[in-house]
Amino acid sequence: MNKVFSKDHEWVTVEGDVATIGITNHAQEQLGDVVFIELPKIGAQVVCDASIAVVESVKAASEIFVPVSGEIVAINTELSGDPALVNRDAEGEAWFFKVKLSKPDELSKLMDKSAYDKFVG
């Protein structure tokens, strides 16, 4: 599956029944230099559109919303020691967490790249 995007500026890729989620390049540009990230706990049950994490930058603190429901099965521990990775590779190595999907049909409400580009345009 290609990357899909939420109105809250998260991106999602899916392999099997696990979604990898991070924030978009647009979001990190708006935030500026990221200095701290608070990630959810592995094993946490999450529901679509719930606030799940926090990103702090030199400008502001922003909530991260989970665009799908399920269970947190992995977090990117590299972000704890190197939160600026988000500024360098927001839509790649700086993924935030992985969710085992409980409602895969929720993915259908997310935008493809061209729709997201129009949304932020």
C-alpha atoms as a PDB file:
ATOM      1  CA  MET A   1       0.000   0.000   0.000  1.00  0.00           C
ATOM      2  CA  ASN A   2       1.201   3.479  -0.798  1.00  0.00           C
ATOM      3  CA  LYS A   3       1.375   6.158   1.859  1.00  0.00           C
ATOM      4  CA  VAL A   4      -1.957   7.660   2.865  1.00  0.00           C
ATOM      5  CA  PHE A   5      -2.496  10.808   4.901  1.00  0.00           C
ATOM      6  CA  SER A   6      -4.835  12.134   7.599  1.00  0.00           C
ATOM      7  CA  LYS A   7      -6.325  15.606   7.954  1.00  0.00           C
ATOM      8  CA  ASP A   8      -4.253  15.860  11.167  1.00  0.00           C
ATOM      9  CA  HIS A   9      -1.030  15.535   9.117  1.00  0.00           C
ATOM     10  CA  GLU A  10      -0.085  11.946   9.917  1.00  0.00           C
ATOM     11  CA  TRP A  11       1.061   9.492   7.263  1.00  0.00           C
ATOM     12  CA  VAL A  12       0.298   5.774   7.247  1.00  0.00           C
ATOM     13  CA  THR A  13       1.784   2.803   5.415  1.00  0.00           C
ATOM     14  CA  VAL A  14       0.470  -0.730   5.877  1.00  0.00           C
ATOM     15  CA  GLU A  15       2.170  -4.118   5.679  1.00  0.00           C
ATOM     16  CA  GLY A  16      -0.164  -7.015   6.364  1.00  0.00           C
ATOM     17  CA  ASP A  17      -2.279  -5.922   9.332  1.00  0.00           C
ATOM     18  CA  VAL A  18       0.260  -3.469  10.798  1.00  0.00           C
ATOM     19  CA  ALA A  19       0.178   0.267  10.088  1.00  0.00           C
ATOM     20  CA  THR A  20       3.326   2.373  10.461  1.00  0.00           C
ATOM     21  CA  ILE A  21       2.500   5.982  11.381  1.00  0.00           C
ATOM     22  CA  GLY A  22       4.456   9.234  11.507  1.00  0.00           C
ATOM     23  CA  ILE A  23       3.936  12.931  10.861  1.00  0.00           C
ATOM     24  CA  THR A  24       4.113  14.484   7.425  1.00  0.00           C
ATOM     25  CA  ASN A  25       6.876  16.637   6.058  1.00  0.00           C
ATOM     26  CA  HIS A  26       4.364  19.513   6.006  1.00  0.00           C
ATOM     27  CA  ALA A  27       3.744  19.038   9.750  1.00  0.00           C
ATOM     28  CA  GLN A  28       7.442  19.040  10.659  1.00  0.00           C
ATOM     29  CA  GLU A  29       7.978  22.176   8.553  1.00  0.00           C
ATOM     30  CA  GLN A  30       5.195  23.923  10.485  1.00  0.00           C
ATOM     31  CA  LEU A  31       6.630  22.773  13.833  1.00  0.00           C
ATOM     32  CA  GLY A  32      10.221  23.819  13.208  1.00  0.00           C
ATOM     33  CA  ASP A  33      13.066  22.189  15.142  1.00  0.00           C
ATOM     34  CA  VAL A  34      11.702  19.176  17.047  1.00  0.00           C
ATOM     35  CA  VAL A  35      13.225  18.862  20.529  1.00  0.00           C
ATOM     36  CA  PHE A  36      11.114  16.194  22.288  1.00  0.00           C
ATOM     37  CA  ILE A  37       8.677  13.419  21.403  1.00  0.00           C
ATOM     38  CA  GLU A  38       6.422  11.564  23.826  1.00  0.00           C
ATOM     39  CA  LEU A  39       5.404   8.212  22.347  1.00  0.00           C
ATOM     40  CA  PRO A  40       2.638   5.809  23.421  1.00  0.00           C
ATOM     41  CA  LYS A  41       3.356   2.579  25.324  1.00  0.00           C
ATOM     42  CA  ILE A  42       3.619  -0.736  23.491  1.00  0.00           C
ATOM     43  CA  GLY A  43       0.449  -2.719  24.144  1.00  0.00           C
ATOM     44  CA  ALA A  44      -1.764   0.365  24.422  1.00  0.00           C
ATOM     45  CA  GLN A  45      -5.179   0.010  22.775  1.00  0.00           C
ATOM     46  CA  VAL A  46      -5.920   3.034  20.588  1.00  0.00           C
ATOM     47  CA  VAL A  47      -9.021   4.295  18.837  1.00  0.00           C
ATOM     48  CA  CYS A  48      -9.137   6.202  15.585  1.00  0.00           C
ATOM     49  CA  ASP A  49      -8.599   9.971  15.928  1.00  0.00           C
ATOM     50  CA  ALA A  50      -7.532   9.781  19.599  1.00  0.00           C
ATOM     51  CA  SER A  51      -4.586  11.855  20.792  1.00  0.00           C
ATOM     52  CA  ILE A  52      -1.758   9.359  21.245  1.00  0.00           C
ATOM     53  CA  ALA A  53       1.568  11.211  21.338  1.00  0.00           C
ATOM     54  CA  VAL A  54       3.105  14.671  21.686  1.00  0.00           C
ATOM     55  CA  VAL A  55       5.742  16.422  19.597  1.00  0.00           C
ATOM     56  CA  GLU A  56       7.468  19.464  21.080  1.00  0.00           C
ATOM     57  CA  SER A  57       9.427  21.907  18.985  1.00  0.00           C
ATOM     58  CA  VAL A  58      11.116  25.208  19.671  1.00  0.00           C
ATOM     59  CA  LYS A  59       7.830  26.838  18.553  1.00  0.00           C
ATOM     60  CA  ALA A  60       5.060  24.715  20.083  1.00  0.00           C
ATOM     61  CA  ALA A  61       3.812  21.398  21.414  1.00  0.00           C
ATOM     62  CA  SER A  62       1.456  19.469  19.156  1.00  0.00           C
ATOM     63  CA  GLU A  63      -0.663  16.411  19.745  1.00  0.00           C
ATOM     64  CA  ILE A  64      -0.340  13.459  17.408  1.00  0.00           C
ATOM     65  CA  PHE A  65      -3.571  11.655  16.589  1.00  0.00           C
ATOM     66  CA  VAL A  66      -3.792   8.007  15.623  1.00  0.00           C
ATOM     67  CA  PRO A  67      -5.608   7.700  12.277  1.00  0.00           C
ATOM     68  CA  VAL A  68      -6.549   4.019  12.833  1.00  0.00           C
ATOM     69  CA  SER A  69      -7.750   1.811  15.696  1.00  0.00           C
ATOM     70  CA  GLY A  70      -5.788  -1.105  17.119  1.00  0.00           C
ATOM     71  CA  GLU A  71      -2.915  -1.994  19.423  1.00  0.00           C
ATOM     72  CA  ILE A  72       0.483  -0.280  19.578  1.00  0.00           C
ATOM     73  CA  VAL A  73       2.969  -3.026  18.669  1.00  0.00           C
ATOM     74  CA  ALA A  74       6.158  -0.961  18.210  1.00  0.00           C
ATOM     75  CA  ILE A  75       7.532   2.505  18.873  1.00  0.00           C
ATOM     76  CA  ASN A  76      10.528   4.187  17.260  1.00  0.00           C
ATOM     77  CA  THR A  77      12.917   4.396  20.220  1.00  0.00           C
ATOM     78  CA  GLU A  78      15.466   6.284  18.072  1.00  0.00           C
ATOM     79  CA  LEU A  79      13.264   9.376  18.408  1.00  0.00           C
ATOM     80  CA  SER A  80      13.895   9.588  22.164  1.00  0.00           C
ATOM     81  CA  GLY A  81      17.605  10.182  21.695  1.00  0.00           C
ATOM     82  CA  ASP A  82      17.331  12.030  18.388  1.00  0.00           C
ATOM     83  CA  PRO A  83      13.994  13.880  18.070  1.00  0.00           C
ATOM     84  CA  ALA A  84      15.469  16.031  15.267  1.00  0.00           C
ATOM     85  CA  LEU A  85      15.311  12.916  13.067  1.00  0.00           C
ATOM     86  CA  VAL A  86      11.732  14.087  12.434  1.00  0.00           C
ATOM     87  CA  ASN A  87      13.094  17.247  10.787  1.00  0.00           C
ATOM     88  CA  ARG A  88      15.550  15.262   8.672  1.00  0.00           C
ATOM     89  CA  ASP A  89      13.315  12.387   7.521  1.00  0.00           C
ATOM     90  CA  ALA A  90       9.707  12.902   8.655  1.00  0.00           C
ATOM     91  CA  GLU A  91       8.201  10.519   6.114  1.00  0.00           C
ATOM     92  CA  GLY A  92      10.882   7.835   6.380  1.00  0.00           C
ATOM     93  CA  GLU A  93      13.148   6.823   9.255  1.00  0.00           C
ATOM     94  CA  ALA A  94      11.286   9.072  11.724  1.00  0.00           C
ATOM     95  CA  TRP A  95       8.138   6.930  11.956  1.00  0.00           C
ATOM     96  CA  PHE A  96       6.532   7.205  15.407  1.00  0.00           C
ATOM     97  CA  PHE A  97       4.698   3.945  16.117  1.00  0.00           C
ATOM     98  CA  LYS A  98       3.142   0.841  14.599  1.00  0.00           C
ATOM     99  CA  VAL A  99      -0.451  -0.247  15.152  1.00  0.00           C
ATOM    100  CA  LYS A 100      -1.896  -3.736  14.635  1.00  0.00           C
ATOM    101  CA  LEU A 101      -5.129  -2.804  12.887  1.00  0.00           C
ATOM    102  CA  SER A 102      -8.426  -3.771  14.486  1.00  0.00           C
ATOM    103  CA  LYS A 103     -10.564  -1.922  11.897  1.00  0.00           C
ATOM    104  CA  PRO A 104      -8.697  -1.914   8.554  1.00  0.00           C
ATOM    105  CA  ASP A 105     -11.682  -0.260   6.842  1.00  0.00           C
ATOM    106  CA  GLU A 106     -10.736   2.995   8.641  1.00  0.00           C
ATOM    107  CA  LEU A 107      -7.910   3.358   6.111  1.00  0.00           C
ATOM    108  CA  SER A 108     -10.461   4.170   3.401  1.00  0.00           C
ATOM    109  CA  LYS A 109     -11.137   7.610   4.923  1.00  0.00           C
ATOM    110  CA  LEU A 110      -7.502   8.685   4.529  1.00  0.00           C
ATOM    111  CA  MET A 111      -6.191  10.726   1.587  1.00  0.00           C
ATOM    112  CA  ASP A 112      -3.753   9.727  -1.116  1.00  0.00           C
ATOM    113  CA  LYS A 113      -0.727  11.957  -1.819  1.00  0.00           C
ATOM    114  CA  SER A 114      -2.418  14.170  -4.416  1.00  0.00           C
ATOM    115  CA  ALA A 115      -5.485  14.735  -2.205  1.00  0.00           C
ATOM    116  CA  TYR A 116      -3.238  15.548   0.786  1.00  0.00           C
ATOM    117  CA  ASP A 117      -1.156  17.967  -1.311  1.00  0.00           C
ATOM    118  CA  LYS A 118      -4.382  19.760  -2.294  1.00  0.00           C
ATOM    119  CA  PHE A 119      -5.537  19.740   1.348  1.00  0.00           C
ATOM    120  CA  VAL A 120      -2.369  21.501   2.561  1.00  0.00           C
ATOM    121  CA  GLY A 121      -1.985  23.598  -0.608  1.00  0.00           C
END
